[in-house]
């Protein structure tokens, strides 16, 4: 899987595990993602995929590097996709 494919899979997993917010975004904690068996099987380097998604402005979270245990309660927000943004990517 290349980085773009991993970011797309990450978006799917955040939607599966997270809670939808009133603005259309999804919110999940790092601990929930990290400890999910399906995510563990998909992502060899979850932290690296999260950093790539953050760099692409797909997700937002506090800090640069997330570590298991220490950052389990850090909220990861999958930004809402606007129809205009979806159109421009096609």
PDB file of N, CA and C in Angstrom:
ATOM      1  N   UNK A   1       0.839  -1.180   0.000  1.00  0.00           N
ATOM      2  CA  UNK A   1       0.000   0.000   0.000  1.00  0.00           C
ATOM      3  C   UNK A   1       0.885   1.244   0.000  1.00  0.00           C
ATOM      4  N   UNK A   2       0.547   2.209  -0.840  1.00  0.00           N
ATOM      5  CA  UNK A   2       1.293   3.465  -0.783  1.00  0.00           C
ATOM      6  C   UNK A   2       0.661   4.392   0.257  1.00  0.00           C
ATOM      7  N   UNK A   3       1.278   5.519   0.484  1.00  0.00           N
ATOM      8  CA  UNK A   3       0.845   6.433   1.550  1.00  0.00           C
ATOM      9  C   UNK A   3      -0.579   6.931   1.308  1.00  0.00           C
ATOM     10  N   UNK A   4      -0.896   7.290   0.084  1.00  0.00           N
ATOM     11  CA  UNK A   4      -2.247   7.790  -0.204  1.00  0.00           C
ATOM     12  C   UNK A   4      -3.305   6.725   0.081  1.00  0.00           C
ATOM     13  N   UNK A   5      -3.002   5.460  -0.273  1.00  0.00           N
ATOM     14  CA  UNK A   5      -3.938   4.371   0.014  1.00  0.00           C
ATOM     15  C   UNK A   5      -4.100   4.183   1.522  1.00  0.00           C
ATOM     16  N   UNK A   6      -2.998   4.278   2.261  1.00  0.00           N
ATOM     17  CA  UNK A   6      -3.062   4.131   3.713  1.00  0.00           C
ATOM     18  C   UNK A   6      -3.882   5.252   4.342  1.00  0.00           C
ATOM     19  N   UNK A   7      -3.724   6.470   3.846  1.00  0.00           N
ATOM     20  CA  UNK A   7      -4.503   7.595   4.371  1.00  0.00           C
ATOM     21  C   UNK A   7      -5.997   7.362   4.107  1.00  0.00           C
ATOM     22  N   UNK A   8      -6.330   6.851   2.937  1.00  0.00           N
ATOM     23  CA  UNK A   8      -7.732   6.550   2.631  1.00  0.00           C
ATOM     24  C   UNK A   8      -8.274   5.468   3.564  1.00  0.00           C
ATOM     25  N   UNK A   9      -7.479   4.432   3.824  1.00  0.00           N
ATOM     26  CA  UNK A   9      -7.901   3.376   4.761  1.00  0.00           C
ATOM     27  C   UNK A   9      -8.060   3.941   6.163  1.00  0.00           C
ATOM     28  N   UNK A  10      -7.155   4.850   6.548  1.00  0.00           N
ATOM     29  CA  UNK A  10      -7.244   5.477   7.861  1.00  0.00           C
ATOM     30  C   UNK A  10      -8.570   6.238   7.999  1.00  0.00           C
ATOM     31  N   UNK A  11      -8.952   6.961   6.952  1.00  0.00           N
ATOM     32  CA  UNK A  11     -10.217   7.690   6.968  1.00  0.00           C
ATOM     33  C   UNK A  11     -11.385   6.727   7.203  1.00  0.00           C
ATOM     34  N   UNK A  12     -11.364   5.587   6.531  1.00  0.00           N
ATOM     35  CA  UNK A  12     -12.421   4.589   6.698  1.00  0.00           C
ATOM     36  C   UNK A  12     -12.465   4.071   8.132  1.00  0.00           C
ATOM     37  N   UNK A  13     -11.299   3.813   8.704  1.00  0.00           N
ATOM     38  CA  UNK A  13     -11.246   3.276  10.065  1.00  0.00           C
ATOM     39  C   UNK A  13     -11.676   4.309  11.096  1.00  0.00           C
ATOM     40  N   UNK A  14     -11.327   5.559  10.888  1.00  0.00           N
ATOM     41  CA  UNK A  14     -11.776   6.608  11.819  1.00  0.00           C
ATOM     42  C   UNK A  14     -13.296   6.741  11.753  1.00  0.00           C
ATOM     43  N   UNK A  15     -13.849   6.627  10.563  1.00  0.00           N
ATOM     44  CA  UNK A  15     -15.311   6.689  10.432  1.00  0.00           C
ATOM     45  C   UNK A  15     -15.962   5.489  11.109  1.00  0.00           C
ATOM     46  N   UNK A  16     -15.326   4.329  11.019  1.00  0.00           N
ATOM     47  CA  UNK A  16     -15.872   3.114  11.636  1.00  0.00           C
ATOM     48  C   UNK A  16     -15.831   3.196  13.162  1.00  0.00           C
ATOM     49  N   UNK A  17     -14.723   3.677  13.697  1.00  0.00           N
ATOM     50  CA  UNK A  17     -14.511   3.669  15.141  1.00  0.00           C
ATOM     51  C   UNK A  17     -14.923   4.957  15.845  1.00  0.00           C
ATOM     52  N   UNK A  18     -14.991   6.040  15.101  1.00  0.00           N
ATOM     53  CA  UNK A  18     -15.215   7.349  15.710  1.00  0.00           C
ATOM     54  C   UNK A  18     -16.674   7.729  15.834  1.00  0.00           C
ATOM     55  N   UNK A  19     -16.867   8.874  16.427  1.00  0.00           N
ATOM     56  CA  UNK A  19     -18.198   9.455  16.598  1.00  0.00           C
ATOM     57  C   UNK A  19     -18.334  10.627  15.636  1.00  0.00           C
ATOM     58  N   UNK A  20     -19.440  10.631  14.887  1.00  0.00           N
ATOM     59  CA  UNK A  20     -19.660  11.751  13.973  1.00  0.00           C
ATOM     60  C   UNK A  20     -20.031  12.986  14.797  1.00  0.00           C
ATOM     61  N   UNK A  21     -19.511  14.126  14.368  1.00  0.00           N
ATOM     62  CA  UNK A  21     -19.754  15.402  15.044  1.00  0.00           C
ATOM     63  C   UNK A  21     -20.783  16.205  14.246  1.00  0.00           C
ATOM     64  N   UNK A  22     -21.309  17.243  14.858  1.00  0.00           N
ATOM     65  CA  UNK A  22     -22.361  18.040  14.218  1.00  0.00           C
ATOM     66  C   UNK A  22     -21.895  18.713  12.925  1.00  0.00           C
ATOM     67  N   UNK A  23     -20.576  18.947  12.805  1.00  0.00           N
ATOM     68  CA  UNK A  23     -20.059  19.591  11.589  1.00  0.00           C
ATOM     69  C   UNK A  23     -19.698  18.591  10.488  1.00  0.00           C
ATOM     70  N   UNK A  24     -19.956  17.308  10.715  1.00  0.00           N
ATOM     71  CA  UNK A  24     -19.659  16.292   9.716  1.00  0.00           C
ATOM     72  C   UNK A  24     -18.300  15.636   9.884  1.00  0.00           C
ATOM     73  N   UNK A  25     -17.513  16.120  10.826  1.00  0.00           N
ATOM     74  CA  UNK A  25     -16.220  15.497  11.097  1.00  0.00           C
ATOM     75  C   UNK A  25     -16.428  14.277  11.996  1.00  0.00           C
ATOM     76  N   UNK A  26     -15.378  13.468  12.144  1.00  0.00           N
ATOM     77  CA  UNK A  26     -15.407  12.310  13.032  1.00  0.00           C
ATOM     78  C   UNK A  26     -14.316  12.467  14.068  1.00  0.00           C
ATOM     79  N   UNK A  27     -14.599  11.995  15.279  1.00  0.00           N
ATOM     80  CA  UNK A  27     -13.636  12.111  16.369  1.00  0.00           C
ATOM     81  C   UNK A  27     -13.409  10.737  16.992  1.00  0.00           C
ATOM     82  N   UNK A  28     -12.131  10.387  17.189  1.00  0.00           N
ATOM     83  CA  UNK A  28     -11.752   9.133  17.832  1.00  0.00           C
ATOM     84  C   UNK A  28     -10.483   9.390  18.630  1.00  0.00           C
ATOM     85  N   UNK A  29     -10.271   8.638  19.697  1.00  0.00           N
ATOM     86  CA  UNK A  29      -9.023   8.816  20.439  1.00  0.00           C
ATOM     87  C   UNK A  29      -7.946   7.907  19.862  1.00  0.00           C
ATOM     88  N   UNK A  30      -6.703   8.306  20.075  1.00  0.00           N
ATOM     89  CA  UNK A  30      -5.571   7.524  19.588  1.00  0.00           C
ATOM     90  C   UNK A  30      -5.591   6.116  20.174  1.00  0.00           C
ATOM     91  N   UNK A  31      -5.939   6.001  21.443  1.00  0.00           N
ATOM     92  CA  UNK A  31      -5.966   4.688  22.088  1.00  0.00           C
ATOM     93  C   UNK A  31      -6.940   3.731  21.429  1.00  0.00           C
ATOM     94  N   UNK A  32      -8.104   4.239  21.036  1.00  0.00           N
ATOM     95  CA  UNK A  32      -9.095   3.391  20.361  1.00  0.00           C
ATOM     96  C   UNK A  32      -8.531   2.899  19.031  1.00  0.00           C
ATOM     97  N   UNK A  33      -7.934   3.788  18.257  1.00  0.00           N
ATOM     98  CA  UNK A  33      -7.332   3.386  16.979  1.00  0.00           C
ATOM     99  C   UNK A  33      -6.202   2.395  17.187  1.00  0.00           C
ATOM    100  N   UNK A  34      -5.300   2.732  18.105  1.00  0.00           N
ATOM    101  CA  UNK A  34      -4.093   1.931  18.311  1.00  0.00           C
ATOM    102  C   UNK A  34      -4.425   0.529  18.796  1.00  0.00           C
ATOM    103  N   UNK A  35      -5.443   0.406  19.640  1.00  0.00           N
ATOM    104  CA  UNK A  35      -5.769  -0.885  20.243  1.00  0.00           C
ATOM    105  C   UNK A  35      -6.776  -1.708  19.453  1.00  0.00           C
ATOM    106  N   UNK A  36      -7.254  -1.188  18.327  1.00  0.00           N
ATOM    107  CA  UNK A  36      -8.214  -1.916  17.498  1.00  0.00           C
ATOM    108  C   UNK A  36      -7.485  -2.986  16.681  1.00  0.00           C
ATOM    109  N   UNK A  37      -7.963  -4.222  16.755  1.00  0.00           N
ATOM    110  CA  UNK A  37      -7.317  -5.330  16.050  1.00  0.00           C
ATOM    111  C   UNK A  37      -7.293  -5.133  14.534  1.00  0.00           C
ATOM    112  N   UNK A  38      -8.390  -4.638  13.986  1.00  0.00           N
ATOM    113  CA  UNK A  38      -8.446  -4.437  12.535  1.00  0.00           C
ATOM    114  C   UNK A  38      -7.415  -3.400  12.097  1.00  0.00           C
ATOM    115  N   UNK A  39      -7.296  -2.310  12.843  1.00  0.00           N
ATOM    116  CA  UNK A  39      -6.289  -1.286  12.524  1.00  0.00           C
ATOM    117  C   UNK A  39      -4.883  -1.859  12.644  1.00  0.00           C
ATOM    118  N   UNK A  40      -4.662  -2.673  13.655  1.00  0.00           N
ATOM    119  CA  UNK A  40      -3.345  -3.276  13.849  1.00  0.00           C
ATOM    120  C   UNK A  40      -2.968  -4.151  12.654  1.00  0.00           C
ATOM    121  N   UNK A  41      -3.952  -4.809  12.053  1.00  0.00           N
ATOM    122  CA  UNK A  41      -3.680  -5.660  10.888  1.00  0.00           C
ATOM    123  C   UNK A  41      -3.501  -4.857   9.601  1.00  0.00           C
ATOM    124  N   UNK A  42      -4.107  -3.683   9.526  1.00  0.00           N
ATOM    125  CA  UNK A  42      -4.029  -2.865   8.311  1.00  0.00           C
ATOM    126  C   UNK A  42      -2.751  -2.031   8.274  1.00  0.00           C
ATOM    127  N   UNK A  43      -2.455  -1.366   9.386  1.00  0.00           N
ATOM    128  CA  UNK A  43      -1.379  -0.372   9.402  1.00  0.00           C
ATOM    129  C   UNK A  43      -0.127  -0.908  10.083  1.00  0.00           C
ATOM    130  N   UNK A  44       0.950  -1.001   9.307  1.00  0.00           N
ATOM    131  CA  UNK A  44       2.228  -1.404   9.896  1.00  0.00           C
ATOM    132  C   UNK A  44       2.752  -0.307  10.809  1.00  0.00           C
ATOM    133  N   UNK A  45       2.514   0.931  10.418  1.00  0.00           N
ATOM    134  CA  UNK A  45       3.006   2.076  11.199  1.00  0.00           C
ATOM    135  C   UNK A  45       1.889   3.102  11.317  1.00  0.00           C
ATOM    136  N   UNK A  46       0.986   2.872  12.271  1.00  0.00           N
ATOM    137  CA  UNK A  46      -0.163   3.757  12.442  1.00  0.00           C
ATOM    138  C   UNK A  46       0.267   5.199  12.678  1.00  0.00           C
ATOM    139  N   UNK A  47       1.282   5.399  13.501  1.00  0.00           N
ATOM    140  CA  UNK A  47       1.741   6.759  13.807  1.00  0.00           C
ATOM    141  C   UNK A  47       2.231   7.454  12.536  1.00  0.00           C
ATOM    142  N   UNK A  48       2.941   6.731  11.692  1.00  0.00           N
ATOM    143  CA  UNK A  48       3.414   7.305  10.430  1.00  0.00           C
ATOM    144  C   UNK A  48       2.262   7.664   9.504  1.00  0.00           C
ATOM    145  N   UNK A  49       1.251   6.815   9.460  1.00  0.00           N
ATOM    146  CA  UNK A  49       0.076   7.095   8.632  1.00  0.00           C
ATOM    147  C   UNK A  49      -0.674   8.308   9.158  1.00  0.00           C
ATOM    148  N   UNK A  50      -0.784   8.413  10.483  1.00  0.00           N
ATOM    149  CA  UNK A  50      -1.432   9.589  11.076  1.00  0.00           C
ATOM    150  C   UNK A  50      -0.665  10.862  10.743  1.00  0.00           C
ATOM    151  N   UNK A  51       0.648  10.805  10.814  1.00  0.00           N
ATOM    152  CA  UNK A  51       1.457  11.990  10.495  1.00  0.00           C
ATOM    153  C   UNK A  51       1.288  12.382   9.031  1.00  0.00           C
ATOM    154  N   UNK A  52       1.246  11.391   8.138  1.00  0.00           N
ATOM    155  CA  UNK A  52       1.044  11.680   6.712  1.00  0.00           C
ATOM    156  C   UNK A  52      -0.334  12.303   6.486  1.00  0.00           C
ATOM    157  N   UNK A  53      -1.347  11.789   7.180  1.00  0.00           N
ATOM    158  CA  UNK A  53      -2.705  12.336   7.042  1.00  0.00           C
ATOM    159  C   UNK A  53      -2.779  13.754   7.600  1.00  0.00           C
ATOM    160  N   UNK A  54      -2.055  14.007   8.677  1.00  0.00           N
ATOM    161  CA  UNK A  54      -2.036  15.354   9.254  1.00  0.00           C
ATOM    162  C   UNK A  54      -1.343  16.325   8.308  1.00  0.00           C
ATOM    163  N   UNK A  55      -0.262  15.883   7.702  1.00  0.00           N
ATOM    164  CA  UNK A  55       0.465  16.723   6.747  1.00  0.00           C
ATOM    165  C   UNK A  55      -0.420  17.076   5.546  1.00  0.00           C
ATOM    166  N   UNK A  56      -1.287  16.141   5.151  1.00  0.00           N
ATOM    167  CA  UNK A  56      -2.208  16.365   4.038  1.00  0.00           C
ATOM    168  C   UNK A  56      -3.477  17.097   4.475  1.00  0.00           C
ATOM    169  N   UNK A  57      -3.543  17.462   5.771  1.00  0.00           N
ATOM    170  CA  UNK A  57      -4.677  18.193   6.340  1.00  0.00           C
ATOM    171  C   UNK A  57      -5.981  17.401   6.286  1.00  0.00           C
ATOM    172  N   UNK A  58      -5.865  16.073   6.382  1.00  0.00           N
ATOM    173  CA  UNK A  58      -7.024  15.190   6.413  1.00  0.00           C
ATOM    174  C   UNK A  58      -7.502  15.007   7.844  1.00  0.00           C
ATOM    175  N   UNK A  59      -6.540  14.953   8.782  1.00  0.00           N
ATOM    176  CA  UNK A  59      -6.860  14.819  10.199  1.00  0.00           C
ATOM    177  C   UNK A  59      -6.176  15.935  10.979  1.00  0.00           C
ATOM    178  N   UNK A  60      -6.645  16.134  12.200  1.00  0.00           N
ATOM    179  CA  UNK A  60      -6.031  17.106  13.104  1.00  0.00           C
ATOM    180  C   UNK A  60      -5.931  16.476  14.483  1.00  0.00           C
ATOM    181  N   UNK A  61      -4.818  16.732  15.156  1.00  0.00           N
ATOM    182  CA  UNK A  61      -4.637  16.320  16.544  1.00  0.00           C
ATOM    183  C   UNK A  61      -3.515  17.146  17.135  1.00  0.00           C
ATOM    184  N   UNK A  62      -3.510  17.218  18.467  1.00  0.00           N
ATOM    185  CA  UNK A  62      -2.477  17.979  19.167  1.00  0.00           C
ATOM    186  C   UNK A  62      -1.188  17.178  19.213  1.00  0.00           C
ATOM    187  N   UNK A  63      -0.086  17.872  19.002  1.00  0.00           N
ATOM    188  CA  UNK A  63       1.220  17.233  19.081  1.00  0.00           C
ATOM    189  C   UNK A  63       1.707  16.750  17.733  1.00  0.00           C
ATOM    190  N   UNK A  64       2.933  16.290  17.721  1.00  0.00           N
ATOM    191  CA  UNK A  64       3.563  15.787  16.505  1.00  0.00           C
ATOM    192  C   UNK A  64       3.593  14.268  16.496  1.00  0.00           C
ATOM    193  N   UNK A  65       4.061  13.682  17.596  1.00  0.00           N
ATOM    194  CA  UNK A  65       4.275  12.244  17.683  1.00  0.00           C
ATOM    195  C   UNK A  65       3.386  11.672  18.773  1.00  0.00           C
ATOM    196  N   UNK A  66       2.578  10.680  18.430  1.00  0.00           N
ATOM    197  CA  UNK A  66       1.695  10.053  19.398  1.00  0.00           C
ATOM    198  C   UNK A  66       2.293   8.721  19.832  1.00  0.00           C
ATOM    199  N   UNK A  67       2.276   8.477  21.141  1.00  0.00           N
ATOM    200  CA  UNK A  67       2.824   7.250  21.702  1.00  0.00           C
ATOM    201  C   UNK A  67       1.744   6.499  22.466  1.00  0.00           C
ATOM    202  N   UNK A  68       1.752   5.163  22.321  1.00  0.00           N
ATOM    203  CA  UNK A  68       0.783   4.342  23.031  1.00  0.00           C
ATOM    204  C   UNK A  68       0.915   4.558  24.533  1.00  0.00           C
ATOM    205  N   UNK A  69      -0.210   4.595  25.209  1.00  0.00           N
ATOM    206  CA  UNK A  69      -0.217   4.795  26.654  1.00  0.00           C
ATOM    207  C   UNK A  69      -0.227   6.270  26.999  1.00  0.00           C
ATOM    208  N   UNK A  70       0.829   6.955  26.648  1.00  0.00           N
ATOM    209  CA  UNK A  70       0.976   8.376  26.982  1.00  0.00           C
ATOM    210  C   UNK A  70      -0.101   9.224  26.307  1.00  0.00           C
ATOM    211  N   UNK A  71      -0.404   8.914  25.061  1.00  0.00           N
ATOM    212  CA  UNK A  71      -1.320   9.744  24.269  1.00  0.00           C
ATOM    213  C   UNK A  71      -2.628   9.037  23.922  1.00  0.00           C
ATOM    214  N   UNK A  72      -3.005   8.020  24.689  1.00  0.00           N
ATOM    215  CA  UNK A  72      -4.234   7.274  24.382  1.00  0.00           C
ATOM    216  C   UNK A  72      -5.483   8.144  24.355  1.00  0.00           C
ATOM    217  N   UNK A  73      -5.497   9.230  25.125  1.00  0.00           N
ATOM    218  CA  UNK A  73      -6.689  10.083  25.193  1.00  0.00           C
ATOM    219  C   UNK A  73      -6.653  11.272  24.237  1.00  0.00           C
ATOM    220  N   UNK A  74      -5.635  11.360  23.396  1.00  0.00           N
ATOM    221  CA  UNK A  74      -5.563  12.448  22.412  1.00  0.00           C
ATOM    222  C   UNK A  74      -6.634  12.215  21.351  1.00  0.00           C
ATOM    223  N   UNK A  75      -7.424  13.256  21.111  1.00  0.00           N
ATOM    224  CA  UNK A  75      -8.488  13.154  20.110  1.00  0.00           C
ATOM    225  C   UNK A  75      -7.939  13.397  18.713  1.00  0.00           C
ATOM    226  N   UNK A  76      -8.297  12.501  17.813  1.00  0.00           N
ATOM    227  CA  UNK A  76      -7.940  12.635  16.404  1.00  0.00           C
ATOM    228  C   UNK A  76      -9.229  12.981  15.678  1.00  0.00           C
ATOM    229  N   UNK A  77      -9.184  14.042  14.904  1.00  0.00           N
ATOM    230  CA  UNK A  77     -10.380  14.515  14.205  1.00  0.00           C
ATOM    231  C   UNK A  77     -10.184  14.344  12.708  1.00  0.00           C
ATOM    232  N   UNK A  78     -11.060  13.550  12.119  1.00  0.00           N
ATOM    233  CA  UNK A  78     -11.106  13.416  10.662  1.00  0.00           C
ATOM    234  C   UNK A  78     -11.948  14.571  10.174  1.00  0.00           C
ATOM    235  N   UNK A  79     -11.318  15.469   9.445  1.00  0.00           N
ATOM    236  CA  UNK A  79     -12.009  16.673   9.005  1.00  0.00           C
ATOM    237  C   UNK A  79     -13.152  16.328   8.058  1.00  0.00           C
ATOM    238  N   UNK A  80     -14.222  17.105   8.153  1.00  0.00           N
ATOM    239  CA  UNK A  80     -15.391  16.903   7.295  1.00  0.00           C
ATOM    240  C   UNK A  80     -15.006  17.182   5.853  1.00  0.00           C
ATOM    241  N   UNK A  81     -15.512  16.361   4.953  1.00  0.00           N
ATOM    242  CA  UNK A  81     -15.270  16.572   3.533  1.00  0.00           C
ATOM    243  C   UNK A  81     -16.387  17.436   2.986  1.00  0.00           C
ATOM    244  N   UNK A  82     -16.018  18.572   2.435  1.00  0.00           N
ATOM    245  CA  UNK A  82     -17.010  19.449   1.826  1.00  0.00           C
ATOM    246  C   UNK A  82     -17.259  18.993   0.395  1.00  0.00           C
ATOM    247  N   UNK A  83     -18.450  19.200  -0.125  1.00  0.00           N
ATOM    248  CA  UNK A  83     -18.730  18.810  -1.516  1.00  0.00           C
ATOM    249  C   UNK A  83     -17.743  19.461  -2.500  1.00  0.00           C
ATOM    250  N   UNK A  84     -17.342  20.692  -2.251  1.00  0.00           N
ATOM    251  CA  UNK A  84     -16.397  21.378  -3.146  1.00  0.00           C
ATOM    252  C   UNK A  84     -15.043  20.680  -3.133  1.00  0.00           C
ATOM    253  N   UNK A  85     -14.601  20.268  -1.952  1.00  0.00           N
ATOM    254  CA  UNK A  85     -13.312  19.581  -1.855  1.00  0.00           C
ATOM    255  C   UNK A  85     -13.372  18.228  -2.554  1.00  0.00           C
ATOM    256  N   UNK A  86     -14.489  17.538  -2.434  1.00  0.00           N
ATOM    257  CA  UNK A  86     -14.642  16.243  -3.087  1.00  0.00           C
ATOM    258  C   UNK A  86     -14.644  16.415  -4.603  1.00  0.00           C
ATOM    259  N   UNK A  87     -15.284  17.468  -5.101  1.00  0.00           N
ATOM    260  CA  UNK A  87     -15.332  17.728  -6.539  1.00  0.00           C
ATOM    261  C   UNK A  87     -13.950  18.036  -7.095  1.00  0.00           C
ATOM    262  N   UNK A  88     -13.156  18.830  -6.370  1.00  0.00           N
ATOM    263  CA  UNK A  88     -11.850  19.239  -6.889  1.00  0.00           C
ATOM    264  C   UNK A  88     -10.871  18.085  -6.920  1.00  0.00           C
ATOM    265  N   UNK A  89     -11.104  17.027  -6.119  1.00  0.00           N
ATOM    266  CA  UNK A  89     -10.179  15.893  -6.122  1.00  0.00           C
ATOM    267  C   UNK A  89     -10.502  14.897  -7.226  1.00  0.00           C
ATOM    268  N   UNK A  90     -11.630  15.068  -7.910  1.00  0.00           N
ATOM    269  CA  UNK A  90     -11.993  14.132  -8.995  1.00  0.00           C
ATOM    270  C   UNK A  90     -11.443  14.558 -10.311  1.00  0.00           C
TER     271      UNK A  90
END
